C-alpha cells in the first residue's frame, strides 16, 4: 500500500504545501515600496498589513490544504498549480 510519503518523499516542504508562503506574498503586495528603505516605516507598514489580513483569507488557505495535498499526490510530488 502506497502512503502519502511514498508519493511526496522530498516534497513535504514544497511551497505547494506551505500556505504561509501565500501569507508572505500577501504581505509583500500590501507593504508599500517606499516603506522598505526605512526600518521604522517598514515595521509599521508590515504590522498594518498583517492586522488587515481578514479571517476569510486565512480560512481559504486552510480549507485549500486537502486540494493541495491531493494535487501533490496526483503529480507524484512534482510542481502543482499552487
PDB file of N, CA and C in Angstrom:
ATOM      1  N   UNK A   1       0.848  -1.190   0.000  1.00  0.00           N
ATOM      2  CA  UNK A   1       0.000   0.000   0.000  1.00  0.00           C
ATOM      3  C   UNK A   1       0.887   1.244   0.000  1.00  0.00           C
ATOM      4  N   UNK A   2       0.624   2.107  -0.945  1.00  0.00           N
ATOM      5  CA  UNK A   2       1.390   3.348  -1.009  1.00  0.00           C
ATOM      6  C   UNK A   2       0.832   4.346  -0.015  1.00  0.00           C
ATOM      7  N   UNK A   3       1.733   5.055   0.611  1.00  0.00           N
ATOM      8  CA  UNK A   3       1.326   6.111   1.542  1.00  0.00           C
ATOM      9  C   UNK A   3       1.597   7.453   0.896  1.00  0.00           C
ATOM     10  N   UNK A   4       1.100   8.484   1.520  1.00  0.00           N
ATOM     11  CA  UNK A   4       1.367   9.833   1.018  1.00  0.00           C
ATOM     12  C   UNK A   4       2.866  10.089   0.974  1.00  0.00           C
ATOM     13  N   UNK A   5       3.595   9.507   1.922  1.00  0.00           N
ATOM     14  CA  UNK A   5       5.027   9.744   1.965  1.00  0.00           C
ATOM     15  C   UNK A   5       5.751   9.126   0.771  1.00  0.00           C
ATOM     16  N   UNK A   6       5.213   8.035   0.237  1.00  0.00           N
ATOM     17  CA  UNK A   6       5.840   7.437  -0.937  1.00  0.00           C
ATOM     18  C   UNK A   6       5.628   8.312  -2.175  1.00  0.00           C
ATOM     19  N   UNK A   7       4.542   9.038  -2.216  1.00  0.00           N
ATOM     20  CA  UNK A   7       4.294   9.960  -3.331  1.00  0.00           C
ATOM     21  C   UNK A   7       5.053  11.265  -3.171  1.00  0.00           C
ATOM     22  N   UNK A   8       5.199  11.687  -1.945  1.00  0.00           N
ATOM     23  CA  UNK A   8       5.672  13.046  -1.687  1.00  0.00           C
ATOM     24  C   UNK A   8       7.064  13.104  -1.082  1.00  0.00           C
ATOM     25  N   UNK A   9       7.762  11.996  -1.059  1.00  0.00           N
ATOM     26  CA  UNK A   9       9.106  11.983  -0.481  1.00  0.00           C
ATOM     27  C   UNK A   9       9.904  13.149  -1.045  1.00  0.00           C
ATOM     28  N   UNK A  10      10.439  13.952  -0.165  1.00  0.00           N
ATOM     29  CA  UNK A  10      11.221  15.103  -0.598  1.00  0.00           C
ATOM     30  C   UNK A  10      10.376  16.310  -0.961  1.00  0.00           C
ATOM     31  N   UNK A  11       9.078  16.151  -1.037  1.00  0.00           N
ATOM     32  CA  UNK A  11       8.213  17.267  -1.432  1.00  0.00           C
ATOM     33  C   UNK A  11       7.390  17.806  -0.259  1.00  0.00           C
ATOM     34  N   UNK A  12       7.553  17.231   0.926  1.00  0.00           N
ATOM     35  CA  UNK A  12       6.729  17.667   2.050  1.00  0.00           C
ATOM     36  C   UNK A  12       7.047  19.087   2.489  1.00  0.00           C
ATOM     37  N   UNK A  13       8.186  19.610   2.083  1.00  0.00           N
ATOM     38  CA  UNK A  13       8.487  21.007   2.377  1.00  0.00           C
ATOM     39  C   UNK A  13       8.184  21.897   1.169  1.00  0.00           C
ATOM     40  N   UNK A  14       7.481  21.346   0.210  1.00  0.00           N
ATOM     41  CA  UNK A  14       7.121  22.057  -1.009  1.00  0.00           C
ATOM     42  C   UNK A  14       6.313  23.315  -0.690  1.00  0.00           C
ATOM     43  N   UNK A  15       6.549  24.394  -1.427  1.00  0.00           N
ATOM     44  CA  UNK A  15       5.722  25.591  -1.259  1.00  0.00           C
ATOM     45  C   UNK A  15       4.239  25.317  -1.506  1.00  0.00           C
ATOM     46  N   UNK A  16       3.966  24.276  -2.286  1.00  0.00           N
ATOM     47  CA  UNK A  16       2.574  23.914  -2.553  1.00  0.00           C
ATOM     48  C   UNK A  16       1.861  23.477  -1.278  1.00  0.00           C
ATOM     49  N   UNK A  17       2.615  22.977  -0.316  1.00  0.00           N
ATOM     50  CA  UNK A  17       2.031  22.521   0.944  1.00  0.00           C
ATOM     51  C   UNK A  17       2.296  23.507   2.080  1.00  0.00           C
ATOM     52  N   UNK A  18       2.706  24.714   1.741  1.00  0.00           N
ATOM     53  CA  UNK A  18       3.055  25.697   2.747  1.00  0.00           C
ATOM     54  C   UNK A  18       2.236  26.970   2.552  1.00  0.00           C
ATOM     55  N   UNK A  19       1.066  27.025   3.164  1.00  0.00           N
ATOM     56  CA  UNK A  19       0.230  28.213   2.958  1.00  0.00           C
ATOM     57  C   UNK A  19       0.827  29.494   3.530  1.00  0.00           C
ATOM     58  N   UNK A  20       1.789  29.386   4.432  1.00  0.00           N
ATOM     59  CA  UNK A  20       2.389  30.605   4.975  1.00  0.00           C
ATOM     60  C   UNK A  20       3.125  31.371   3.875  1.00  0.00           C
ATOM     61  N   UNK A  21       3.600  30.647   2.863  1.00  0.00           N
ATOM     62  CA  UNK A  21       4.228  31.333   1.732  1.00  0.00           C
ATOM     63  C   UNK A  21       3.262  32.269   1.035  1.00  0.00           C
ATOM     64  N   UNK A  22       2.007  31.873   0.978  1.00  0.00           N
ATOM     65  CA  UNK A  22       0.984  32.736   0.386  1.00  0.00           C
ATOM     66  C   UNK A  22       0.704  33.946   1.285  1.00  0.00           C
ATOM     67  N   UNK A  23       0.847  33.760   2.586  1.00  0.00           N
ATOM     68  CA  UNK A  23       0.666  34.894   3.507  1.00  0.00           C
ATOM     69  C   UNK A  23       1.803  35.900   3.314  1.00  0.00           C
ATOM     70  N   UNK A  24       3.041  35.406   3.156  1.00  0.00           N
ATOM     71  CA  UNK A  24       4.162  36.302   2.904  1.00  0.00           C
ATOM     72  C   UNK A  24       3.957  37.058   1.593  1.00  0.00           C
ATOM     73  N   UNK A  25       3.452  36.381   0.592  1.00  0.00           N
ATOM     74  CA  UNK A  25       3.174  37.035  -0.686  1.00  0.00           C
ATOM     75  C   UNK A  25       2.131  38.135  -0.505  1.00  0.00           C
ATOM     76  N   UNK A  26       1.098  37.833   0.279  1.00  0.00           N
ATOM     77  CA  UNK A  26       0.051  38.817   0.573  1.00  0.00           C
ATOM     78  C   UNK A  26       0.665  40.042   1.262  1.00  0.00           C
ATOM     79  N   UNK A  27       1.515  39.812   2.246  1.00  0.00           N
ATOM     80  CA  UNK A  27       2.158  40.927   2.939  1.00  0.00           C
ATOM     81  C   UNK A  27       3.046  41.713   1.985  1.00  0.00           C
ATOM     82  N   UNK A  28       3.787  41.016   1.154  1.00  0.00           N
ATOM     83  CA  UNK A  28       4.674  41.675   0.207  1.00  0.00           C
ATOM     84  C   UNK A  28       3.903  42.604  -0.728  1.00  0.00           C
ATOM     85  N   UNK A  29       2.729  42.164  -1.155  1.00  0.00           N
ATOM     86  CA  UNK A  29       1.901  43.002  -2.046  1.00  0.00           C
ATOM     87  C   UNK A  29       1.290  44.194  -1.317  1.00  0.00           C
ATOM     88  N   UNK A  30       1.173  44.110   0.010  1.00  0.00           N
ATOM     89  CA  UNK A  30       0.468  45.151   0.753  1.00  0.00           C
ATOM     90  C   UNK A  30       1.366  46.061   1.583  1.00  0.00           C
ATOM     91  N   UNK A  31       2.656  45.903   1.465  1.00  0.00           N
ATOM     92  CA  UNK A  31       3.589  46.832   2.103  1.00  0.00           C
ATOM     93  C   UNK A  31       4.134  47.739   1.001  1.00  0.00           C
ATOM     94  N   UNK A  32       3.834  49.029   1.079  1.00  0.00           N
ATOM     95  CA  UNK A  32       4.255  49.947   0.012  1.00  0.00           C
ATOM     96  C   UNK A  32       5.771  49.955  -0.184  1.00  0.00           C
ATOM     97  N   UNK A  33       6.170  50.087  -1.424  1.00  0.00           N
ATOM     98  CA  UNK A  33       7.590  50.068  -1.787  1.00  0.00           C
ATOM     99  C   UNK A  33       8.371  51.155  -1.047  1.00  0.00           C
ATOM    100  N   UNK A  34       7.774  52.336  -0.895  1.00  0.00           N
ATOM    101  CA  UNK A  34       8.507  53.446  -0.273  1.00  0.00           C
ATOM    102  C   UNK A  34       8.798  53.217   1.209  1.00  0.00           C
ATOM    103  N   UNK A  35       8.167  52.237   1.823  1.00  0.00           N
ATOM    104  CA  UNK A  35       8.397  51.953   3.240  1.00  0.00           C
ATOM    105  C   UNK A  35       9.552  50.983   3.460  1.00  0.00           C
ATOM    106  N   UNK A  36      10.056  50.417   2.414  1.00  0.00           N
ATOM    107  CA  UNK A  36      11.014  49.310   2.551  1.00  0.00           C
ATOM    108  C   UNK A  36      12.447  49.756   2.793  1.00  0.00           C
ATOM    109  N   UNK A  37      12.715  51.046   2.669  1.00  0.00           N
ATOM    110  CA  UNK A  37      14.078  51.539   2.885  1.00  0.00           C
ATOM    111  C   UNK A  37      14.251  52.156   4.263  1.00  0.00           C
ATOM    112  N   UNK A  38      13.200  52.178   5.031  1.00  0.00           N
ATOM    113  CA  UNK A  38      13.250  52.761   6.374  1.00  0.00           C
ATOM    114  C   UNK A  38      12.707  51.727   7.356  1.00  0.00           C
ATOM    115  N   UNK A  39      13.538  51.334   8.302  1.00  0.00           N
ATOM    116  CA  UNK A  39      13.171  50.250   9.210  1.00  0.00           C
ATOM    117  C   UNK A  39      11.878  50.543   9.974  1.00  0.00           C
ATOM    118  N   UNK A  40      11.728  51.756  10.483  1.00  0.00           N
ATOM    119  CA  UNK A  40      10.524  52.088  11.257  1.00  0.00           C
ATOM    120  C   UNK A  40       9.276  52.107  10.376  1.00  0.00           C
ATOM    121  N   UNK A  41       9.384  52.715   9.196  1.00  0.00           N
ATOM    122  CA  UNK A  41       8.244  52.731   8.277  1.00  0.00           C
ATOM    123  C   UNK A  41       7.882  51.312   7.846  1.00  0.00           C
ATOM    124  N   UNK A  42       8.906  50.515   7.556  1.00  0.00           N
ATOM    125  CA  UNK A  42       8.672  49.141   7.140  1.00  0.00           C
ATOM    126  C   UNK A  42       7.961  48.353   8.235  1.00  0.00           C
ATOM    127  N   UNK A  43       8.441  48.499   9.462  1.00  0.00           N
ATOM    128  CA  UNK A  43       7.830  47.777  10.577  1.00  0.00           C
ATOM    129  C   UNK A  43       6.370  48.180  10.747  1.00  0.00           C
ATOM    130  N   UNK A  44       6.085  49.470  10.699  1.00  0.00           N
ATOM    131  CA  UNK A  44       4.694  49.930  10.830  1.00  0.00           C
ATOM    132  C   UNK A  44       3.817  49.413   9.690  1.00  0.00           C
ATOM    133  N   UNK A  45       4.349  49.499   8.468  1.00  0.00           N
ATOM    134  CA  UNK A  45       3.578  49.044   7.302  1.00  0.00           C
ATOM    135  C   UNK A  45       3.339  47.540   7.357  1.00  0.00           C
ATOM    136  N   UNK A  46       4.328  46.785   7.792  1.00  0.00           N
ATOM    137  CA  UNK A  46       4.186  45.336   7.890  1.00  0.00           C
ATOM    138  C   UNK A  46       3.150  44.965   8.951  1.00  0.00           C
ATOM    139  N   UNK A  47       3.218  45.610  10.101  1.00  0.00           N
ATOM    140  CA  UNK A  47       2.237  45.345  11.156  1.00  0.00           C
ATOM    141  C   UNK A  47       0.832  45.734  10.716  1.00  0.00           C
ATOM    142  N   UNK A  48       0.728  46.839   9.986  1.00  0.00           N
ATOM    143  CA  UNK A  48      -0.579  47.271   9.482  1.00  0.00           C
ATOM    144  C   UNK A  48      -1.126  46.244   8.481  1.00  0.00           C
ATOM    145  N   UNK A  49      -0.272  45.822   7.543  1.00  0.00           N
ATOM    146  CA  UNK A  49      -0.703  44.835   6.543  1.00  0.00           C
ATOM    147  C   UNK A  49      -1.102  43.527   7.228  1.00  0.00           C
ATOM    148  N   UNK A  50      -0.344  43.122   8.248  1.00  0.00           N
ATOM    149  CA  UNK A  50      -0.653  41.887   8.978  1.00  0.00           C
ATOM    150  C   UNK A  50      -2.008  42.002   9.678  1.00  0.00           C
ATOM    151  N   UNK A  51      -2.249  43.137  10.301  1.00  0.00           N
ATOM    152  CA  UNK A  51      -3.504  43.313  11.046  1.00  0.00           C
ATOM    153  C   UNK A  51      -4.716  43.398  10.120  1.00  0.00           C
ATOM    154  N   UNK A  52      -4.484  43.708   8.859  1.00  0.00           N
ATOM    155  CA  UNK A  52      -5.580  43.831   7.902  1.00  0.00           C
ATOM    156  C   UNK A  52      -5.899  42.525   7.170  1.00  0.00           C
ATOM    157  N   UNK A  53      -5.165  41.465   7.464  1.00  0.00           N
ATOM    158  CA  UNK A  53      -5.481  40.172   6.848  1.00  0.00           C
ATOM    159  C   UNK A  53      -6.779  39.691   7.470  1.00  0.00           C
ATOM    160  N   UNK A  54      -7.771  39.498   6.656  1.00  0.00           N
ATOM    161  CA  UNK A  54      -9.065  39.085   7.199  1.00  0.00           C
ATOM    162  C   UNK A  54      -9.121  37.570   7.414  1.00  0.00           C
ATOM    163  N   UNK A  55      -9.980  37.174   8.306  1.00  0.00           N
ATOM    164  CA  UNK A  55     -10.113  35.767   8.662  1.00  0.00           C
ATOM    165  C   UNK A  55     -10.488  34.917   7.448  1.00  0.00           C
ATOM    166  N   UNK A  56     -11.235  35.488   6.522  1.00  0.00           N
ATOM    167  CA  UNK A  56     -11.625  34.744   5.329  1.00  0.00           C
ATOM    168  C   UNK A  56     -10.406  34.310   4.512  1.00  0.00           C
ATOM    169  N   UNK A  57      -9.419  35.179   4.397  1.00  0.00           N
ATOM    170  CA  UNK A  57      -8.191  34.844   3.681  1.00  0.00           C
ATOM    171  C   UNK A  57      -7.498  33.654   4.338  1.00  0.00           C
ATOM    172  N   UNK A  58      -7.428  33.679   5.653  1.00  0.00           N
ATOM    173  CA  UNK A  58      -6.815  32.584   6.411  1.00  0.00           C
ATOM    174  C   UNK A  58      -7.624  31.304   6.222  1.00  0.00           C
ATOM    175  N   UNK A  59      -8.925  31.408   6.314  1.00  0.00           N
ATOM    176  CA  UNK A  59      -9.788  30.230   6.151  1.00  0.00           C
ATOM    177  C   UNK A  59      -9.631  29.601   4.769  1.00  0.00           C
ATOM    178  N   UNK A  60      -9.551  30.435   3.747  1.00  0.00           N
ATOM    179  CA  UNK A  60      -9.388  29.930   2.377  1.00  0.00           C
ATOM    180  C   UNK A  60      -8.091  29.130   2.261  1.00  0.00           C
ATOM    181  N   UNK A  61      -7.016  29.654   2.842  1.00  0.00           N
ATOM    182  CA  UNK A  61      -5.747  28.938   2.796  1.00  0.00           C
ATOM    183  C   UNK A  61      -5.834  27.605   3.533  1.00  0.00           C
ATOM    184  N   UNK A  62      -6.443  27.616   4.698  1.00  0.00           N
ATOM    185  CA  UNK A  62      -6.587  26.382   5.479  1.00  0.00           C
ATOM    186  C   UNK A  62      -7.452  25.379   4.723  1.00  0.00           C
ATOM    187  N   UNK A  63      -8.567  25.849   4.194  1.00  0.00           N
ATOM    188  CA  UNK A  63      -9.501  24.959   3.507  1.00  0.00           C
ATOM    189  C   UNK A  63      -8.938  24.423   2.191  1.00  0.00           C
ATOM    190  N   UNK A  64      -7.917  25.080   1.651  1.00  0.00           N
ATOM    191  CA  UNK A  64      -7.327  24.616   0.395  1.00  0.00           C
ATOM    192  C   UNK A  64      -6.340  23.468   0.607  1.00  0.00           C
ATOM    193  N   UNK A  65      -5.987  23.169   1.836  1.00  0.00           N
ATOM    194  CA  UNK A  65      -4.966  22.143   2.095  1.00  0.00           C
ATOM    195  C   UNK A  65      -5.335  20.760   1.549  1.00  0.00           C
ATOM    196  N   UNK A  66      -6.553  20.253   1.727  1.00  0.00           N
ATOM    197  CA  UNK A  66      -6.852  18.935   1.142  1.00  0.00           C
ATOM    198  C   UNK A  66      -6.663  18.907  -0.380  1.00  0.00           C
ATOM    199  N   UNK A  67      -7.060  19.978  -1.055  1.00  0.00           N
ATOM    200  CA  UNK A  67      -6.876  20.043  -2.512  1.00  0.00           C
ATOM    201  C   UNK A  67      -5.401  20.112  -2.879  1.00  0.00           C
ATOM    202  N   UNK A  68      -4.637  20.886  -2.108  1.00  0.00           N
ATOM    203  CA  UNK A  68      -3.199  20.998  -2.351  1.00  0.00           C
ATOM    204  C   UNK A  68      -2.536  19.634  -2.208  1.00  0.00           C
ATOM    205  N   UNK A  69      -2.881  18.964  -1.130  1.00  0.00           N
ATOM    206  CA  UNK A  69      -2.309  17.650  -0.857  1.00  0.00           C
ATOM    207  C   UNK A  69      -2.662  16.666  -1.965  1.00  0.00           C
ATOM    208  N   UNK A  70      -3.906  16.678  -2.389  1.00  0.00           N
ATOM    209  CA  UNK A  70      -4.328  15.769  -3.460  1.00  0.00           C
ATOM    210  C   UNK A  70      -3.591  16.072  -4.751  1.00  0.00           C
ATOM    211  N   UNK A  71      -3.385  17.343  -5.034  1.00  0.00           N
ATOM    212  CA  UNK A  71      -2.682  17.696  -6.272  1.00  0.00           C
ATOM    213  C   UNK A  71      -1.218  17.265  -6.215  1.00  0.00           C
ATOM    214  N   UNK A  72      -0.590  17.379  -5.045  1.00  0.00           N
ATOM    215  CA  UNK A  72       0.785  16.895  -4.899  1.00  0.00           C
ATOM    216  C   UNK A  72       0.824  15.382  -5.127  1.00  0.00           C
ATOM    217  N   UNK A  73      -0.157  14.664  -4.577  1.00  0.00           N
ATOM    218  CA  UNK A  73      -0.240  13.214  -4.779  1.00  0.00           C
ATOM    219  C   UNK A  73      -0.444  12.899  -6.255  1.00  0.00           C
ATOM    220  N   UNK A  74      -1.389  13.589  -6.890  1.00  0.00           N
ATOM    221  CA  UNK A  74      -1.674  13.346  -8.309  1.00  0.00           C
ATOM    222  C   UNK A  74      -0.452  13.609  -9.185  1.00  0.00           C
ATOM    223  N   UNK A  75       0.353  14.609  -8.797  1.00  0.00           N
ATOM    224  CA  UNK A  75       1.539  14.974  -9.577  1.00  0.00           C
ATOM    225  C   UNK A  75       2.794  14.236  -9.101  1.00  0.00           C
ATOM    226  N   UNK A  76       2.580  13.252  -8.238  1.00  0.00           N
ATOM    227  CA  UNK A  76       3.673  12.442  -7.696  1.00  0.00           C
ATOM    228  C   UNK A  76       4.781  13.291  -7.109  1.00  0.00           C
ATOM    229  N   UNK A  77       4.379  14.367  -6.432  1.00  0.00           N
ATOM    230  CA  UNK A  77       5.338  15.224  -5.742  1.00  0.00           C
ATOM    231  C   UNK A  77       5.908  16.348  -6.577  1.00  0.00           C
ATOM    232  N   UNK A  78       5.579  16.356  -7.869  1.00  0.00           N
ATOM    233  CA  UNK A  78       6.106  17.431  -8.708  1.00  0.00           C
ATOM    234  C   UNK A  78       5.225  18.666  -8.582  1.00  0.00           C
ATOM    235  N   UNK A  79       5.672  19.741  -9.189  1.00  0.00           N
ATOM    236  CA  UNK A  79       5.039  21.056  -9.083  1.00  0.00           C
ATOM    237  C   UNK A  79       3.538  20.990  -9.378  1.00  0.00           C
ATOM    238  N   UNK A  80       2.772  21.797  -8.632  1.00  0.00           N
ATOM    239  CA  UNK A  80       1.326  21.866  -8.811  1.00  0.00           C
ATOM    240  C   UNK A  80       0.940  23.249  -9.286  1.00  0.00           C
ATOM    241  N   UNK A  81      -0.347  23.471  -9.425  1.00  0.00           N
ATOM    242  CA  UNK A  81      -0.840  24.780  -9.855  1.00  0.00           C
ATOM    243  C   UNK A  81      -0.855  25.799  -8.719  1.00  0.00           C
ATOM    244  N   UNK A  82      -0.535  25.355  -7.502  1.00  0.00           N
ATOM    245  CA  UNK A  82      -0.486  26.290  -6.385  1.00  0.00           C
ATOM    246  C   UNK A  82       0.847  26.937  -6.370  1.00  0.00           C
TER     247      UNK A  82
END
